[in-house]
Protein backbone atom coordinates (compact mmCIF):
# COMPACT_ATOMS: atom_id res chain seq x y z
CA MET A 1 -8.30 -6.42 33.12
CA GLN A 2 -11.29 -5.21 33.30
CA ASP A 3 -12.66 -6.26 30.31
CA SER A 4 -16.40 -7.00 29.56
CA ARG A 5 -15.86 -9.71 27.49
CA GLN A 6 -14.37 -11.55 30.76
CA ARG A 7 -17.64 -11.44 32.02
CA VAL A 8 -20.77 -13.27 32.06
CA ASN A 9 -24.63 -11.97 31.67
CA PHE A 10 -26.64 -10.77 34.42
CA ILE A 11 -28.78 -14.44 34.43
CA THR A 12 -26.08 -16.38 34.40
CA ALA A 13 -24.85 -14.09 37.80
CA ILE A 14 -28.35 -14.31 38.99
CA TRP A 15 -28.27 -18.06 38.31
CA ARG A 16 -25.18 -18.39 40.68
CA VAL A 17 -26.52 -15.62 43.27
CA ILE A 18 -28.97 -17.95 44.36
CA LYS A 19 -26.46 -21.55 43.90
CA LEU A 20 -24.54 -19.65 46.29
CA THR A 21 -27.65 -18.53 48.78
CA TRP A 22 -28.21 -22.61 48.37
CA HIS A 23 -24.66 -23.42 49.09
CA PHE A 24 -24.48 -21.46 51.98
CA THR A 25 -28.30 -21.95 53.06
CA LEU A 26 -27.19 -25.81 53.56
CA GLY A 27 -24.46 -25.45 55.13
CA LEU A 28 -25.65 -23.83 57.65
CA LEU A 29 -28.25 -25.54 58.49
CA ARG A 30 -25.71 -28.42 58.57
CA LEU A 31 -23.80 -26.78 61.13
CA CYS A 32 -27.00 -26.48 63.51
CA VAL A 33 -27.72 -29.28 63.12
CA PHE A 34 -24.47 -31.34 63.28
CA ASN A 35 -21.66 -29.07 64.36
CA LYS A 36 -21.99 -30.01 68.55
CA PHE A 37 -21.36 -34.22 67.61
CA TYR A 38 -18.06 -32.88 65.01
CA THR A 39 -15.06 -33.79 65.51
CA GLU A 40 -12.26 -31.85 64.75
CA ALA A 41 -11.03 -33.99 61.60
CA ASN A 42 -15.39 -33.62 60.45
CA LYS A 43 -14.47 -30.01 60.77
CA GLU A 44 -11.75 -30.56 58.94
CA ALA A 45 -13.57 -31.99 56.11
CA PHE A 46 -16.53 -29.80 56.48
CA VAL A 47 -14.80 -26.85 55.61
CA GLN A 48 -12.54 -28.25 52.58
CA SER A 49 -15.45 -30.13 51.11
CA TRP A 50 -17.53 -26.75 51.03
CA SER A 51 -15.01 -24.42 49.91
CA ASN A 52 -14.57 -27.06 47.17
CA LYS A 53 -18.39 -27.34 45.70
CA LEU A 54 -18.05 -22.77 45.99
CA LEU A 55 -15.54 -22.46 43.93
CA LYS A 56 -16.94 -25.04 41.30
CA LEU A 57 -20.77 -23.38 41.43
CA LEU A 58 -18.55 -20.49 40.77
CA ASP A 59 -16.35 -21.57 37.98
CA ILE A 60 -13.67 -21.06 39.22
CA GLN A 61 -10.49 -22.96 39.13
CA VAL A 62 -7.99 -24.13 41.31
CA SER A 63 -4.32 -24.98 39.87
CA ILE A 64 -1.52 -25.81 41.56
CA GLN A 65 2.21 -24.82 41.00
CA GLY A 66 5.34 -25.33 42.61
CA GLU A 67 6.22 -28.79 45.00
CA LYS A 68 3.11 -28.95 48.05
CA PRO A 69 5.07 -29.96 50.81
CA THR A 70 4.50 -33.42 52.73
CA ARG A 71 4.64 -32.26 56.23
CA PHE A 72 2.60 -28.85 57.67
CA ASN A 73 3.54 -29.14 61.41
CA ASN A 74 5.06 -26.62 63.47
CA THR A 75 4.99 -24.39 59.82
CA LEU A 76 3.56 -20.99 59.98
CA LEU A 77 2.51 -20.50 56.27
CA VAL A 78 2.46 -17.00 54.88
CA ALA A 79 0.39 -16.02 51.66
CA ASN A 80 -0.47 -12.13 49.97
CA HIS A 81 -3.14 -10.97 50.15
CA ILE A 82 -6.05 -10.12 47.42
CA SER A 83 -9.54 -10.60 47.72
CA TRP A 84 -11.97 -12.65 50.83
CA LEU A 85 -11.94 -15.64 48.13
CA ASP A 86 -8.36 -16.11 49.77
CA ILE A 87 -9.22 -18.20 52.91
CA LEU A 88 -11.72 -20.38 50.54
CA ILE A 89 -8.98 -21.06 48.69
CA ILE A 90 -6.15 -22.02 50.54
CA PHE A 91 -8.87 -24.18 52.50
CA THR A 92 -9.09 -25.84 49.53
CA VAL A 93 -5.39 -27.13 49.12
CA VAL A 94 -3.99 -27.21 52.93
CA LYS A 95 -5.78 -27.59 56.16
CA PRO A 96 -4.19 -24.69 58.86
CA ARG A 97 -6.12 -22.63 61.61
CA PHE A 98 -6.00 -18.90 59.73
CA VAL A 99 -4.48 -15.92 61.36
CA ALA A 100 -6.82 -12.75 60.47
CA LYS A 101 -8.45 -9.44 61.87
CA LYS A 102 -11.45 -9.94 64.14
CA GLU A 103 -14.17 -8.11 61.51
CA ILE A 104 -13.47 -11.29 58.51
CA ALA A 105 -15.72 -13.09 62.17
CA SER A 106 -18.78 -10.78 61.07
CA TRP A 107 -18.73 -11.03 56.95
CA PRO A 108 -20.91 -13.34 55.60
CA ILE A 109 -19.55 -16.95 53.69
CA VAL A 110 -16.10 -16.34 54.57
CA GLY A 111 -16.53 -15.61 58.41
CA MET A 112 -18.95 -19.02 59.56
CA ILE A 113 -15.87 -20.94 57.67
CA ALA A 114 -13.23 -18.72 59.09
CA ASN A 115 -14.87 -19.42 63.35
CA LEU A 116 -15.20 -23.48 61.73
CA GLY A 117 -12.07 -23.38 61.25
CA ASP A 118 -10.85 -22.13 64.62
CA THR A 119 -9.47 -18.79 63.17
CA ILE A 120 -6.93 -17.03 65.55
CA PHE A 121 -8.91 -13.10 65.06
CA ILE A 122 -6.62 -9.85 65.99
CA GLU A 123 -6.66 -6.57 66.17
CA ARG A 124 -4.32 -4.98 64.03
CA GLU A 125 -3.34 -1.92 65.30
CA ASN A 126 -3.40 -3.26 68.75
CA LYS A 127 -0.11 -4.16 70.11
CA ARG A 128 -0.64 -5.93 73.15
CA SER A 129 -3.41 -8.06 70.47
CA ILE A 130 -0.21 -8.87 68.52
CA THR A 131 2.05 -9.46 71.81
CA TYR A 132 -1.20 -12.00 72.89
CA VAL A 133 -1.84 -13.27 69.83
CA ASN A 134 1.86 -13.84 69.13
CA SER A 135 1.91 -16.27 72.57
CA LEU A 136 -0.97 -18.34 71.08
CA ILE A 137 0.76 -18.94 67.27
CA ALA A 138 3.69 -19.66 68.89
CA LYS A 139 2.29 -22.25 71.21
CA ALA A 140 -0.11 -23.77 68.62
CA LEU A 141 3.01 -24.37 66.12
CA GLN A 142 5.34 -26.02 69.22
CA ALA A 143 2.06 -27.79 69.36
CA GLY A 144 2.44 -29.65 65.70
CA SER A 145 -0.16 -26.81 64.21
CA CYS A 146 -0.20 -25.41 60.62
CA ILE A 147 -0.75 -21.40 61.10
CA ALA A 148 -1.58 -19.22 57.89
CA VAL A 149 -0.75 -15.52 58.21
CA PHE A 150 -1.56 -12.59 55.30
CA PRO A 151 1.37 -10.71 56.41
CA GLU A 152 0.68 -7.74 54.12
CA GLY A 153 -1.79 -6.57 56.79
CA LYS A 154 -4.63 -5.30 54.67
CA THR A 155 -5.70 -6.41 50.53
CA SER A 156 -3.65 -5.64 47.72
CA LEU A 157 -4.96 -5.56 43.57
CA GLY A 158 -2.88 -8.71 42.64
CA VAL A 159 -0.74 -7.02 40.98
CA SER A 160 2.59 -6.58 43.09
CA VAL A 161 2.96 -7.75 46.53
CA GLU A 162 3.22 -5.28 49.90
CA PRO A 163 5.99 -5.08 52.30
CA PHE A 164 5.45 -7.60 55.44
CA LYS A 165 4.69 -6.62 57.99
CA SER A 166 7.51 -8.26 60.85
CA SER A 167 5.15 -8.43 63.77
CA LEU A 168 3.93 -12.43 63.35
CA PHE A 169 7.42 -13.87 62.28
CA ASP A 170 7.98 -14.01 66.27
CA ALA A 171 5.75 -16.78 66.72
CA VAL A 172 7.78 -18.93 64.19
CA LEU A 173 11.10 -18.02 65.85
CA ARG A 174 9.77 -18.80 69.31
CA SER A 175 8.69 -22.16 68.15
CA LYS A 176 12.31 -23.34 65.35
CA GLY A 177 9.43 -23.64 63.22
CA GLN A 178 9.11 -23.09 59.90
CA VAL A 179 7.59 -20.46 56.98
CA LEU A 180 6.74 -21.72 54.24
CA PRO A 181 5.52 -19.16 51.33
CA ILE A 182 2.92 -19.50 48.77
CA ALA A 183 2.28 -16.81 46.18
CA LEU A 184 -1.66 -16.24 45.07
CA GLN A 185 -2.28 -14.79 41.59
CA TYR A 186 -6.02 -14.60 40.08
CA LEU A 187 -5.68 -15.25 36.04
CA ASP A 188 -9.01 -14.39 33.70
CA SER A 189 -9.92 -16.74 30.83
CA ALA A 190 -7.19 -15.40 28.85
CA SER A 191 -4.97 -16.04 31.86
CA SER A 192 -3.66 -12.52 32.47
CA ILE A 193 -3.99 -11.24 35.92
CA THR A 194 -6.85 -9.65 36.41
CA THR A 195 -8.28 -7.47 39.70
CA ARG A 196 -11.94 -8.24 39.57
CA PRO A 197 -12.04 -10.41 42.53
CA SER A 198 -10.00 -8.36 44.62
CA PHE A 199 -10.96 -6.30 47.92
CA ALA A 200 -9.06 -3.37 47.84
CA GLY A 201 -8.86 -0.09 48.74
CA ASP A 202 -12.85 1.60 47.88
CA THR A 203 -13.90 -1.73 46.55
CA THR A 204 -16.67 -2.98 49.68
CA LEU A 205 -17.46 -6.37 50.00
CA LEU A 206 -20.42 -6.07 48.29
CA ARG A 207 -19.23 -4.87 45.22
CA SER A 208 -16.40 -7.15 45.90
CA VAL A 209 -18.68 -9.81 45.83
CA TRP A 210 -20.42 -9.11 43.02
CA ASN A 211 -17.18 -8.52 40.70
CA VAL A 212 -16.54 -12.18 41.85
CA LEU A 213 -19.91 -13.59 40.62
CA THR A 214 -19.59 -11.74 36.76
CA CYS A 215 -16.11 -13.21 36.47
CA TYR A 216 -16.66 -15.23 32.89
CA LYS A 217 -13.80 -17.80 34.63
CA LEU A 218 -11.33 -17.51 37.04
CA THR A 219 -7.96 -19.71 37.48
CA VAL A 220 -6.50 -19.22 41.04
CA ASN A 221 -2.49 -20.37 40.74
CA ILE A 222 -1.27 -21.03 44.38
CA SER A 223 2.75 -21.35 43.98
CA PHE A 224 4.22 -23.02 47.18
CA GLU A 225 8.38 -21.98 47.60
CA GLN A 226 10.44 -24.44 49.25
CA THR A 227 9.87 -24.03 52.83
CA LEU A 228 12.06 -21.35 55.25
CA PRO A 229 13.65 -22.65 58.50
CA SER A 230 13.62 -20.11 61.02
CA HIS A 231 17.06 -21.38 62.66
CA GLN A 232 18.53 -19.49 60.10
CA PHE A 233 17.57 -16.31 60.27
CA LEU A 234 18.65 -13.91 63.01
CA ASP A 235 15.73 -11.97 63.18
CA ARG A 236 11.93 -11.46 62.00
CA SER A 237 12.72 -8.44 60.21
CA GLY A 238 14.76 -11.13 57.71
CA LEU A 239 12.75 -13.79 58.12
CA ALA A 240 9.76 -11.73 56.60
CA VAL A 241 11.79 -9.96 53.87
CA ALA A 242 12.78 -13.33 52.62
CA SER A 243 9.42 -14.53 52.16
CA ARG A 244 7.92 -11.57 50.59
CA GLN A 245 11.50 -12.36 48.63
CA LYS A 246 10.10 -16.11 47.51
CA ILE A 247 6.31 -14.44 46.47
CA ILE A 248 7.28 -11.60 44.67
CA LYS A 249 9.58 -12.84 42.10
CA HIS A 250 6.13 -14.47 40.29
CA TRP A 251 5.21 -11.38 39.21
CA LEU A 252 9.04 -10.05 38.17
């Protein structure tokens, strides 16, 4: 999975760093000048365009598998979590509001996009925070929003899917909405699952970013599964288990 043949040379990696820095700087300047004039539609368009250009700079291709739904209102989008790239990748195909740990707000690049995308930040160890966030999510869903969460509660290497925490599924039960499971898989140039983009375990954010910068070529499979109407489930635990089963089948 870490074959050196799947890596670019040092000069190419540094050139990517330069292009990434320039792309980030231009985006930041544009926000500083125009952000106060942006409507919600303008912000969504900017985030999607900026994310697409970033992936192109890094030679990352996005491949959509399955049938993408035609509507996303009152939808809780749930995905497995592997990398700091996940949010950017999902933004290229869907325009949700994310629920994420509050530390992400201070991350470079991803933090900027997360804040611009009206992300709901949560303190995962604070039960009161989770209760409050659930009420925010339920209201947003009832108003027709699509909310995206990573129910594993942490990142993984991308070779399996951790058990889903059920707490945030309570919101979609309250809103009587639907759950949309999507599976994320990172593939190298040989179409094999790679762990290089992972931001898990002892891997630092800087190391994970460098691993991505030095990848020869990456493809991200986004697999859309059939939606799960929340009214068909008795409780949040059953809904969490069913959602995970839809996703984990891509590793079996």
